[in-house]
Amino acid sequence: MAGVSFATVSRVLNAEPHVREETRLRVKRAVALLGYERNEAAAQLRRGAGS
């Protein structure tokens, strides 16, 4: 929907640097329109913080 790669969406959602502001806004707009909500439990498991 934002016309970017999964990696770019990940960078935006994880507040990583090196994403143009225009791209960041497009991704955030798409996230809002889709009603996406981050699953914090899954994010912690992926980072290894759930143990």
PDB file of N, CA and C in Angstrom:
ATOM      1  N   MET A   1       0.819  -1.192   0.000  1.00  0.00           N
ATOM      2  CA  MET A   1       0.000   0.000   0.000  1.00  0.00           C
ATOM      3  C   MET A   1       0.869   1.265   0.000  1.00  0.00           C
ATOM      4  N   ALA A   2       2.001   1.227   0.680  1.00  0.00           N
ATOM      5  CA  ALA A   2       2.893   2.391   0.718  1.00  0.00           C
ATOM      6  C   ALA A   2       3.876   2.382  -0.442  1.00  0.00           C
ATOM      7  N   GLY A   3       3.949   1.264  -1.165  1.00  0.00           N
ATOM      8  CA  GLY A   3       4.848   1.174  -2.306  1.00  0.00           C
ATOM      9  C   GLY A   3       6.311   1.051  -1.924  1.00  0.00           C
ATOM     10  N   VAL A   4       6.573   0.435  -0.774  1.00  0.00           N
ATOM     11  CA  VAL A   4       7.954   0.248  -0.313  1.00  0.00           C
ATOM     12  C   VAL A   4       8.164  -1.216   0.062  1.00  0.00           C
ATOM     13  N   SER A   5       9.405  -1.581   0.318  1.00  0.00           N
ATOM     14  CA  SER A   5       9.726  -2.962   0.666  1.00  0.00           C
ATOM     15  C   SER A   5       9.346  -3.277   2.115  1.00  0.00           C
ATOM     16  N   PHE A   6       9.275  -4.571   2.413  1.00  0.00           N
ATOM     17  CA  PHE A   6       9.020  -4.999   3.789  1.00  0.00           C
ATOM     18  C   PHE A   6      10.112  -4.482   4.716  1.00  0.00           C
ATOM     19  N   ALA A   7      11.338  -4.449   4.218  1.00  0.00           N
ATOM     20  CA  ALA A   7      12.460  -3.970   5.030  1.00  0.00           C
ATOM     21  C   ALA A   7      12.276  -2.497   5.408  1.00  0.00           C
ATOM     22  N   THR A   8      11.787  -1.701   4.469  1.00  0.00           N
ATOM     23  CA  THR A   8      11.564  -0.285   4.760  1.00  0.00           C
ATOM     24  C   THR A   8      10.455  -0.115   5.789  1.00  0.00           C
ATOM     25  N   VAL A   9       9.377  -0.883   5.647  1.00  0.00           N
ATOM     26  CA  VAL A   9       8.298  -0.827   6.638  1.00  0.00           C
ATOM     27  C   VAL A   9       8.847  -1.196   8.009  1.00  0.00           C
ATOM     28  N   SER A  10       9.664  -2.216   8.072  1.00  0.00           N
ATOM     29  CA  SER A  10      10.267  -2.633   9.335  1.00  0.00           C
ATOM     30  C   SER A  10      11.112  -1.518   9.931  1.00  0.00           C
ATOM     31  N   ARG A  11      11.920  -0.857   9.097  1.00  0.00           N
ATOM     32  CA  ARG A  11      12.749   0.247   9.588  1.00  0.00           C
ATOM     33  C   ARG A  11      11.888   1.367  10.170  1.00  0.00           C
ATOM     34  N   VAL A  12      10.793   1.686   9.501  1.00  0.00           N
ATOM     35  CA  VAL A  12       9.907   2.747   9.990  1.00  0.00           C
ATOM     36  C   VAL A  12       9.268   2.328  11.313  1.00  0.00           C
ATOM     37  N   LEU A  13       8.726   1.116  11.369  1.00  0.00           N
ATOM     38  CA  LEU A  13       8.029   0.663  12.579  1.00  0.00           C
ATOM     39  C   LEU A  13       8.971   0.521  13.770  1.00  0.00           C
ATOM     40  N   ASN A  14      10.246   0.273  13.493  1.00  0.00           N
ATOM     41  CA  ASN A  14      11.230   0.127  14.566  1.00  0.00           C
ATOM     42  C   ASN A  14      12.028   1.402  14.804  1.00  0.00           C
ATOM     43  N   ALA A  15      11.578   2.493  14.187  1.00  0.00           N
ATOM     44  CA  ALA A  15      12.195   3.823  14.355  1.00  0.00           C
ATOM     45  C   ALA A  15      13.693   3.820  14.068  1.00  0.00           C
ATOM     46  N   GLU A  16      14.081   3.058  13.045  1.00  0.00           N
ATOM     47  CA  GLU A  16      15.485   3.026  12.654  1.00  0.00           C
ATOM     48  C   GLU A  16      15.801   4.228  11.762  1.00  0.00           C
ATOM     49  N   PRO A  17      17.049   4.633  11.739  1.00  0.00           N
ATOM     50  CA  PRO A  17      17.431   5.785  10.907  1.00  0.00           C
ATOM     51  C   PRO A  17      17.521   5.411   9.428  1.00  0.00           C
ATOM     52  N   HIS A  18      17.893   6.365   8.634  1.00  0.00           N
ATOM     53  CA  HIS A  18      18.168   6.177   7.202  1.00  0.00           C
ATOM     54  C   HIS A  18      16.920   5.870   6.381  1.00  0.00           C
ATOM     55  N   VAL A  19      15.788   6.469   6.777  1.00  0.00           N
ATOM     56  CA  VAL A  19      14.573   6.404   5.968  1.00  0.00           C
ATOM     57  C   VAL A  19      14.168   7.844   5.696  1.00  0.00           C
ATOM     58  N   ARG A  20      13.964   8.165   4.420  1.00  0.00           N
ATOM     59  CA  ARG A  20      13.559   9.533   4.076  1.00  0.00           C
ATOM     60  C   ARG A  20      12.240   9.875   4.758  1.00  0.00           C
ATOM     61  N   GLU A  21      12.094  11.125   5.148  1.00  0.00           N
ATOM     62  CA  GLU A  21      10.894  11.566   5.853  1.00  0.00           C
ATOM     63  C   GLU A  21       9.638  11.344   5.010  1.00  0.00           C
ATOM     64  N   GLU A  22       9.724  11.587   3.721  1.00  0.00           N
ATOM     65  CA  GLU A  22       8.583  11.356   2.823  1.00  0.00           C
ATOM     66  C   GLU A  22       8.147   9.890   2.872  1.00  0.00           C
ATOM     67  N   THR A  23       9.114   8.989   2.837  1.00  0.00           N
ATOM     68  CA  THR A  23       8.821   7.556   2.887  1.00  0.00           C
ATOM     69  C   THR A  23       8.241   7.178   4.238  1.00  0.00           C
ATOM     70  N   ARG A  24       8.825   7.712   5.301  1.00  0.00           N
ATOM     71  CA  ARG A  24       8.340   7.441   6.656  1.00  0.00           C
ATOM     72  C   ARG A  24       6.862   7.843   6.788  1.00  0.00           C
ATOM     73  N   LEU A  25       6.514   9.002   6.239  1.00  0.00           N
ATOM     74  CA  LEU A  25       5.129   9.479   6.310  1.00  0.00           C
ATOM     75  C   LEU A  25       4.188   8.586   5.500  1.00  0.00           C
ATOM     76  N   ARG A  26       4.646   8.141   4.314  1.00  0.00           N
ATOM     77  CA  ARG A  26       3.816   7.238   3.497  1.00  0.00           C
ATOM     78  C   ARG A  26       3.540   5.946   4.231  1.00  0.00           C
ATOM     79  N   VAL A  27       4.562   5.385   4.871  1.00  0.00           N
ATOM     80  CA  VAL A  27       4.393   4.132   5.605  1.00  0.00           C
ATOM     81  C   VAL A  27       3.456   4.344   6.787  1.00  0.00           C
ATOM     82  N   LYS A  28       3.663   5.416   7.538  1.00  0.00           N
ATOM     83  CA  LYS A  28       2.811   5.684   8.700  1.00  0.00           C
ATOM     84  C   LYS A  28       1.360   5.908   8.285  1.00  0.00           C
ATOM     85  N   ARG A  29       1.141   6.556   7.145  1.00  0.00           N
ATOM     86  CA  ARG A  29      -0.213   6.765   6.644  1.00  0.00           C
ATOM     87  C   ARG A  29      -0.861   5.417   6.311  1.00  0.00           C
ATOM     88  N   ALA A  30      -0.130   4.539   5.640  1.00  0.00           N
ATOM     89  CA  ALA A  30      -0.653   3.220   5.282  1.00  0.00           C
ATOM     90  C   ALA A  30      -0.948   2.404   6.536  1.00  0.00           C
ATOM     91  N   VAL A  31      -0.063   2.467   7.522  1.00  0.00           N
ATOM     92  CA  VAL A  31      -0.255   1.749   8.785  1.00  0.00           C
ATOM     93  C   VAL A  31      -1.555   2.213   9.447  1.00  0.00           C
ATOM     94  N   ALA A  32      -1.780   3.513   9.462  1.00  0.00           N
ATOM     95  CA  ALA A  32      -2.985   4.067  10.083  1.00  0.00           C
ATOM     96  C   ALA A  32      -4.240   3.644   9.314  1.00  0.00           C
ATOM     97  N   LEU A  33      -4.192   3.720   7.981  1.00  0.00           N
ATOM     98  CA  LEU A  33      -5.351   3.345   7.172  1.00  0.00           C
ATOM     99  C   LEU A  33      -5.704   1.874   7.330  1.00  0.00           C
ATOM    100  N   LEU A  34      -4.686   1.045   7.489  1.00  0.00           N
ATOM    101  CA  LEU A  34      -4.915  -0.395   7.637  1.00  0.00           C
ATOM    102  C   LEU A  34      -5.280  -0.787   9.070  1.00  0.00           C
ATOM    103  N   GLY A  35      -5.081   0.129  10.011  1.00  0.00           N
ATOM    104  CA  GLY A  35      -5.389  -0.172  11.406  1.00  0.00           C
ATOM    105  C   GLY A  35      -4.400  -1.131  12.041  1.00  0.00           C
ATOM    106  N   TYR A  36      -3.176  -1.145  11.531  1.00  0.00           N
ATOM    107  CA  TYR A  36      -2.152  -2.049  12.059  1.00  0.00           C
ATOM    108  C   TYR A  36      -1.816  -1.708  13.505  1.00  0.00           C
ATOM    109  N   GLU A  37      -1.738  -2.736  14.327  1.00  0.00           N
ATOM    110  CA  GLU A  37      -1.272  -2.582  15.704  1.00  0.00           C
ATOM    111  C   GLU A  37      -0.181  -3.601  15.947  1.00  0.00           C
ATOM    112  N   ARG A  38       0.933  -3.139  16.437  1.00  0.00           N
ATOM    113  CA  ARG A  38       2.080  -4.006  16.699  1.00  0.00           C
ATOM    114  C   ARG A  38       1.765  -4.988  17.821  1.00  0.00           C
ATOM    115  N   ASN A  39       2.139  -6.232  17.638  1.00  0.00           N
ATOM    116  CA  ASN A  39       1.972  -7.256  18.658  1.00  0.00           C
ATOM    117  C   ASN A  39       3.258  -7.262  19.492  1.00  0.00           C
ATOM    118  N   GLU A  40       3.218  -6.611  20.645  1.00  0.00           N
ATOM    119  CA  GLU A  40       4.423  -6.467  21.468  1.00  0.00           C
ATOM    120  C   GLU A  40       4.954  -7.805  21.963  1.00  0.00           C
ATOM    121  N   ALA A  41       4.075  -8.750  22.256  1.00  0.00           N
ATOM    122  CA  ALA A  41       4.526 -10.081  22.708  1.00  0.00           C
ATOM    123  C   ALA A  41       5.351 -10.748  21.606  1.00  0.00           C
ATOM    124  N   ALA A  42       4.885 -10.656  20.381  1.00  0.00           N
ATOM    125  CA  ALA A  42       5.623 -11.247  19.258  1.00  0.00           C
ATOM    126  C   ALA A  42       6.947 -10.521  19.044  1.00  0.00           C
ATOM    127  N   ALA A  43       6.932  -9.206  19.179  1.00  0.00           N
ATOM    128  CA  ALA A  43       8.167  -8.424  18.990  1.00  0.00           C
ATOM    129  C   ALA A  43       9.198  -8.813  20.049  1.00  0.00           C
ATOM    130  N   GLN A  44       8.765  -9.000  21.281  1.00  0.00           N
ATOM    131  CA  GLN A  44       9.689  -9.396  22.348  1.00  0.00           C
ATOM    132  C   GLN A  44      10.251 -10.785  22.087  1.00  0.00           C
ATOM    133  N   LEU A  45       9.414 -11.703  21.643  1.00  0.00           N
ATOM    134  CA  LEU A  45       9.908 -13.049  21.325  1.00  0.00           C
ATOM    135  C   LEU A  45      10.946 -12.994  20.219  1.00  0.00           C
ATOM    136  N   ARG A  46      10.681 -12.180  19.213  1.00  0.00           N
ATOM    137  CA  ARG A  46      11.615 -12.071  18.085  1.00  0.00           C
ATOM    138  C   ARG A  46      12.962 -11.503  18.545  1.00  0.00           C
ATOM    139  N   ARG A  47      12.916 -10.554  19.491  1.00  0.00           N
ATOM    140  CA  ARG A  47      14.145  -9.967  20.012  1.00  0.00           C
ATOM    141  C   ARG A  47      14.811 -10.864  21.050  1.00  0.00           C
ATOM    142  N   GLY A  48      14.128 -11.910  21.488  1.00  0.00           N
ATOM    143  CA  GLY A  48      14.693 -12.806  22.494  1.00  0.00           C
ATOM    144  C   GLY A  48      14.480 -12.300  23.904  1.00  0.00           C
ATOM    145  N   ALA A  49      13.563 -11.338  24.086  1.00  0.00           N
ATOM    146  CA  ALA A  49      13.319 -10.753  25.395  1.00  0.00           C
ATOM    147  C   ALA A  49      12.199 -11.460  26.142  1.00  0.00           C
ATOM    148  N   GLY A  50      11.611 -12.477  25.542  1.00  0.00           N
ATOM    149  CA  GLY A  50      10.488 -13.154  26.175  1.00  0.00           C
ATOM    150  C   GLY A  50      10.882 -14.254  27.131  1.00  0.00           C
ATOM    151  N   SER A  51      12.161 -14.546  27.238  1.00  0.00           N
ATOM    152  CA  SER A  51      12.618 -15.655  28.078  1.00  0.00           C
ATOM    153  C   SER A  51      12.893 -15.221  29.488  1.00  0.00           C
TER     154      SER A  51
END
